[in-house]
C-alpha atoms as a PDB file:
ATOM      1  CA  MET A   1      57.816 144.761 115.187  1.00  0.00           C
ATOM      2  CA  SER A   2      55.540 141.712 115.085  1.00  0.00           C
ATOM      3  CA  ASP A   3      55.441 139.309 118.017  1.00  0.00           C
ATOM      4  CA  PHE A   4      55.282 135.649 117.029  1.00  0.00           C
ATOM      5  CA  LYS A   5      55.427 134.199 120.566  1.00  0.00           C
ATOM      6  CA  ASN A   6      51.822 132.935 120.247  1.00  0.00           C
ATOM      7  CA  CYS A   7      52.706 130.848 117.218  1.00  0.00           C
ATOM      8  CA  PRO A   8      55.968 129.104 118.189  1.00  0.00           C
ATOM      9  CA  ASP A   9      55.484 126.110 115.879  1.00  0.00           C
ATOM     10  CA  VAL A  10      54.942 128.211 112.743  1.00  0.00           C
ATOM     11  CA  ARG A  11      57.644 128.817 110.160  1.00  0.00           C
ATOM     12  CA  LEU A  12      57.727 129.933 106.545  1.00  0.00           C
ATOM     13  CA  ALA A  13      57.633 127.157 103.972  1.00  0.00           C
ATOM     14  CA  ALA A  14      60.914 126.157 102.354  1.00  0.00           C
ATOM     15  CA  PRO A  15      61.445 124.615  98.908  1.00  0.00           C
ATOM     16  CA  GLU A  16      62.072 121.256 100.620  1.00  0.00           C
ATOM     17  CA  ASP A  17      58.416 121.328 101.736  1.00  0.00           C
ATOM     18  CA  MET A  18      56.912 121.247  98.240  1.00  0.00           C
ATOM     19  CA  ASP A  19      55.964 117.549  98.255  1.00  0.00           C
ATOM     20  CA  GLU A  20      54.310 117.949 101.645  1.00  0.00           C
ATOM     21  CA  LEU A  21      52.531 121.134 100.580  1.00  0.00           C
ATOM     22  CA  MET A  22      51.091 119.240  97.623  1.00  0.00           C
ATOM     23  CA  ARG A  23      50.069 116.361  99.903  1.00  0.00           C
ATOM     24  CA  LEU A  24      48.196 118.716 102.233  1.00  0.00           C
ATOM     25  CA  ALA A  25      46.537 120.433  99.267  1.00  0.00           C
ATOM     26  CA  GLU A  26      45.342 117.035  98.040  1.00  0.00           C
ATOM     27  CA  LEU A  27      43.962 116.215 101.518  1.00  0.00           C
ATOM     28  CA  ALA A  28      42.152 119.557 101.611  1.00  0.00           C
ATOM     29  CA  HIS A  29      40.768 118.859  98.134  1.00  0.00           C
ATOM     30  CA  GLU A  30      39.396 115.482  99.249  1.00  0.00           C
ATOM     31  CA  GLU A  31      37.635 117.052 102.247  1.00  0.00           C
ATOM     32  CA  ASN A  32      35.991 120.032 100.588  1.00  0.00           C
ATOM     33  CA  ASP A  33      33.002 119.675  98.295  1.00  0.00           C
ATOM     34  CA  HIS A  34      33.659 123.026  96.622  1.00  0.00           C
ATOM     35  CA  TRP A  35      37.065 121.765  95.465  1.00  0.00           C
ATOM     36  CA  GLN A  36      35.661 118.654  93.826  1.00  0.00           C
ATOM     37  CA  GLN A  37      35.121 120.280  90.457  1.00  0.00           C
ATOM     38  CA  GLY A  38      38.046 121.814  88.655  1.00  0.00           C
ATOM     39  CA  TYR A  39      40.812 120.992  91.143  1.00  0.00           C
ATOM     40  CA  SER A  40      44.139 121.610  89.413  1.00  0.00           C
ATOM     41  CA  PRO A  41      47.335 120.282  91.031  1.00  0.00           C
ATOM     42  CA  GLU A  42      49.287 122.309  88.460  1.00  0.00           C
ATOM     43  CA  LYS A  43      47.621 125.554  89.528  1.00  0.00           C
ATOM     44  CA  VAL A  44      48.154 124.715  93.208  1.00  0.00           C
ATOM     45  CA  TYR A  45      51.830 123.993  92.499  1.00  0.00           C
ATOM     46  CA  ASN A  46      52.216 127.273  90.593  1.00  0.00           C
ATOM     47  CA  THR A  47      50.641 129.174  93.484  1.00  0.00           C
ATOM     48  CA  PHE A  48      53.081 127.564  95.923  1.00  0.00           C
ATOM     49  CA  VAL A  49      56.023 128.445  93.667  1.00  0.00           C
ATOM     50  CA  LYS A  50      55.043 132.128  93.967  1.00  0.00           C
ATOM     51  CA  HIS A  51      55.921 131.919  97.675  1.00  0.00           C
ATOM     52  CA  PHE A  52      59.461 130.805  96.896  1.00  0.00           C
ATOM     53  CA  THR A  53      59.935 133.415  94.164  1.00  0.00           C
ATOM     54  CA  LYS A  54      58.442 136.257  96.245  1.00  0.00           C
ATOM     55  CA  GLY A  55      55.534 136.519  93.826  1.00  0.00           C
ATOM     56  CA  GLY A  56      52.925 137.758  96.299  1.00  0.00           C
ATOM     57  CA  VAL A  57      52.158 134.465  98.061  1.00  0.00           C
ATOM     58  CA  LEU A  58      53.033 133.768 101.699  1.00  0.00           C
ATOM     59  CA  ILE A  59      52.992 130.191 103.031  1.00  0.00           C
ATOM     60  CA  ALA A  60      53.324 129.367 106.718  1.00  0.00           C
ATOM     61  CA  VAL A  61      53.604 125.768 107.865  1.00  0.00           C
ATOM     62  CA  ILE A  62      53.881 123.644 110.965  1.00  0.00           C
ATOM     63  CA  GLY A  63      56.326 120.756 110.808  1.00  0.00           C
ATOM     64  CA  ASP A  64      60.030 120.233 110.352  1.00  0.00           C
ATOM     65  CA  LYS A  65      61.632 121.297 107.084  1.00  0.00           C
ATOM     66  CA  GLY A  66      61.544 118.536 104.485  1.00  0.00           C
ATOM     67  CA  GLU A  67      59.465 116.258 106.742  1.00  0.00           C
ATOM     68  CA  GLU A  68      55.755 115.647 107.268  1.00  0.00           C
ATOM     69  CA  LEU A  69      53.826 118.904 107.536  1.00  0.00           C
ATOM     70  CA  LYS A  70      51.021 119.073 110.075  1.00  0.00           C
ATOM     71  CA  ALA A  71      49.341 122.286 108.938  1.00  0.00           C
ATOM     72  CA  VAL A  72      49.544 124.995 106.300  1.00  0.00           C
ATOM     73  CA  LEU A  73      48.359 128.566 105.797  1.00  0.00           C
ATOM     74  CA  VAL A  74      48.422 130.043 102.291  1.00  0.00           C
ATOM     75  CA  MET A  75      47.906 133.792 101.833  1.00  0.00           C
ATOM     76  CA  CYS A  76      48.406 136.213  98.982  1.00  0.00           C
ATOM     77  CA  VAL A  77      48.810 139.935  98.626  1.00  0.00           C
ATOM     78  CA  ASP A  78      46.166 141.263  96.267  1.00  0.00           C
ATOM     79  CA  GLN A  79      43.898 144.200  95.530  1.00  0.00           C
ATOM     80  CA  PRO A  80      40.119 143.943  95.791  1.00  0.00           C
ATOM     81  CA  TRP A  81      38.298 144.659  92.567  1.00  0.00           C
ATOM     82  CA  TYR A  82      36.976 147.969  93.913  1.00  0.00           C
ATOM     83  CA  SER A  83      40.148 149.505  95.343  1.00  0.00           C
ATOM     84  CA  LYS A  84      43.794 150.292  94.718  1.00  0.00           C
ATOM     85  CA  ASP A  85      44.558 149.240  98.306  1.00  0.00           C
ATOM     86  CA  TRP A  86      46.522 146.050  98.830  1.00  0.00           C
ATOM     87  CA  ARG A  87      45.277 143.368 101.265  1.00  0.00           C
ATOM     88  CA  LEU A  88      46.491 140.106 102.721  1.00  0.00           C
ATOM     89  CA  LEU A  89      44.023 137.429 101.648  1.00  0.00           C
ATOM     90  CA  GLU A  90      43.834 133.957 103.142  1.00  0.00           C
ATOM     91  CA  LEU A  91      43.555 131.341 100.415  1.00  0.00           C
ATOM     92  CA  ALA A  92      43.658 128.260 102.643  1.00  0.00           C
ATOM     93  CA  LEU A  93      44.215 127.193 106.213  1.00  0.00           C
ATOM     94  CA  PHE A  94      44.384 123.430 106.624  1.00  0.00           C
ATOM     95  CA  VAL A  95      45.371 121.160 109.492  1.00  0.00           C
ATOM     96  CA  ALA A  96      45.958 117.473 108.692  1.00  0.00           C
ATOM     97  CA  PRO A  97      43.194 115.331 110.265  1.00  0.00           C
ATOM     98  CA  GLU A  98      45.510 113.568 112.702  1.00  0.00           C
ATOM     99  CA  HIS A  99      46.634 116.945 114.135  1.00  0.00           C
ATOM    100  CA  ARG A 100      43.281 118.662 114.597  1.00  0.00           C
ATOM    101  CA  ARG A 101      43.176 118.352 118.383  1.00  0.00           C
ATOM    102  CA  SER A 102      46.080 120.806 118.646  1.00  0.00           C
ATOM    103  CA  THR A 103      46.705 124.536 118.705  1.00  0.00           C
ATOM    104  CA  TYR A 104      47.950 124.514 115.117  1.00  0.00           C
ATOM    105  CA  ALA A 105      44.971 126.296 113.541  1.00  0.00           C
ATOM    106  CA  LYS A 106      45.049 128.977 116.255  1.00  0.00           C
ATOM    107  CA  GLN A 107      48.786 129.438 115.756  1.00  0.00           C
ATOM    108  CA  LEU A 108      48.349 129.882 112.012  1.00  0.00           C
ATOM    109  CA  MET A 109      45.542 132.367 112.613  1.00  0.00           C
ATOM    110  CA  GLU A 110      47.776 134.288 115.009  1.00  0.00           C
ATOM    111  CA  PHE A 111      50.529 134.210 112.389  1.00  0.00           C
ATOM    112  CA  SER A 112      48.102 135.693 109.840  1.00  0.00           C
ATOM    113  CA  LYS A 113      47.285 138.557 112.241  1.00  0.00           C
ATOM    114  CA  GLN A 114      50.962 139.226 112.877  1.00  0.00           C
ATOM    115  CA  ALA A 115      51.805 139.054 109.167  1.00  0.00           C
ATOM    116  CA  SER A 116      49.016 141.540 108.491  1.00  0.00           C
ATOM    117  CA  LYS A 117      50.401 143.844 111.148  1.00  0.00           C
ATOM    118  CA  GLY A 118      53.995 143.469 109.945  1.00  0.00           C
ATOM    119  CA  LEU A 119      53.058 144.074 106.316  1.00  0.00           C
ATOM    120  CA  GLN A 120      50.658 146.870 107.333  1.00  0.00           C
ATOM    121  CA  LEU A 121      47.897 145.322 105.228  1.00  0.00           C
ATOM    122  CA  ASP A 122      44.289 144.560 106.081  1.00  0.00           C
ATOM    123  CA  LEU A 123      43.628 140.828 106.418  1.00  0.00           C
ATOM    124  CA  THR A 124      40.712 138.982 104.814  1.00  0.00           C
ATOM    125  CA  ILE A 125      40.295 135.549 106.383  1.00  0.00           C
ATOM    126  CA  GLY A 126      37.433 133.117 106.876  1.00  0.00           C
ATOM    127  CA  VAL A 127      35.819 129.737 106.442  1.00  0.00           C
ATOM    128  CA  PHE A 128      34.990 128.322 103.017  1.00  0.00           C
ATOM    129  CA  SER A 129      33.988 124.760 103.793  1.00  0.00           C
ATOM    130  CA  SER A 130      30.973 122.510 103.924  1.00  0.00           C
ATOM    131  CA  LYS A 131      32.406 119.984 106.397  1.00  0.00           C
ATOM    132  CA  ASN A 132      32.340 120.740 110.139  1.00  0.00           C
ATOM    133  CA  LEU A 133      31.295 124.278 109.266  1.00  0.00           C
ATOM    134  CA  GLU A 134      29.869 125.207 112.670  1.00  0.00           C
ATOM    135  CA  ARG A 135      32.991 124.058 114.522  1.00  0.00           C
ATOM    136  CA  LYS A 136      35.235 125.998 112.137  1.00  0.00           C
ATOM    137  CA  GLN A 137      33.047 129.094 112.404  1.00  0.00           C
ATOM    138  CA  ARG A 138      33.282 128.998 116.211  1.00  0.00           C
ATOM    139  CA  LEU A 139      37.080 128.833 115.999  1.00  0.00           C
ATOM    140  CA  TYR A 140      37.275 131.772 113.581  1.00  0.00           C
ATOM    141  CA  ASN A 141      34.782 133.730 115.696  1.00  0.00           C
ATOM    142  CA  ARG A 142      36.979 133.253 118.761  1.00  0.00           C
ATOM    143  CA  GLN A 143      39.996 134.545 116.854  1.00  0.00           C
ATOM    144  CA  PHE A 144      38.412 137.193 114.604  1.00  0.00           C
ATOM    145  CA  GLY A 145      34.800 137.711 115.786  1.00  0.00           C
ATOM    146  CA  GLN A 146      35.131 141.430 116.420  1.00  0.00           C
ATOM    147  CA  TYR A 147      36.142 141.876 112.773  1.00  0.00           C
ATOM    148  CA  GLN A 148      33.346 139.881 111.151  1.00  0.00           C
ATOM    149  CA  SER A 149      32.020 141.673 108.108  1.00  0.00           C
ATOM    150  CA  GLY A 150      29.924 139.275 106.079  1.00  0.00           C
ATOM    151  CA  THR A 151      28.847 135.793 105.122  1.00  0.00           C
ATOM    152  CA  PHE A 152      29.881 133.739 102.111  1.00  0.00           C
ATOM    153  CA  TYR A 153      27.831 131.327  99.953  1.00  0.00           C
ATOM    154  CA  ASN A 154      28.842 128.899  97.216  1.00  0.00           C
ATOM    155  CA  VAL A 155      26.240 127.941  94.607  1.00  0.00           C
ATOM    156  CA  PRO A 156      27.528 125.069  92.460  1.00  0.00           C
ATOM    157  CA  PHE A 157      26.778 125.131  88.765  1.00  0.00           C
ATOM    158  CA  SER A 158      24.282 122.399  87.898  1.00  0.00           C
ATOM    159  CA  GLY A 159      23.688 123.060  84.221  1.00  0.00           C
ATOM    160  CA  ALA A 160      23.112 120.564  81.437  1.00  0.00           C
END
């Protein structure tokens, strides 16, 4: 059985959280250069709905139900292109700016480890950001460093 004592503020998202989930997604969009092109609130919304309909998306949040959310973790269950094995894949981990000097990111990371263990699925998690990259990398290295298995690059299209 999974032990969630190291993430006491984390809970699963409820339908009452949808407005706040969308607000945090918009904040994340504003902060990340790689989201600037092609951001689709409709697609984000549809991804969130999959959590509530048990469609392979898992959303963990910090904050009271139906009130302001402080942080969010979005993961999905998917298969890599090269395997029939299922994995737990982090799509986003975001802490609202006013709550960044907290343990919220660490708690969500711990939740992701425990979810991986409970679901008996490998976890793919990491940093995809151009803002405060070094600070975020240090945090992920403290939580997952022994499992590091690559580096990621984003080359924006700059065609005519």
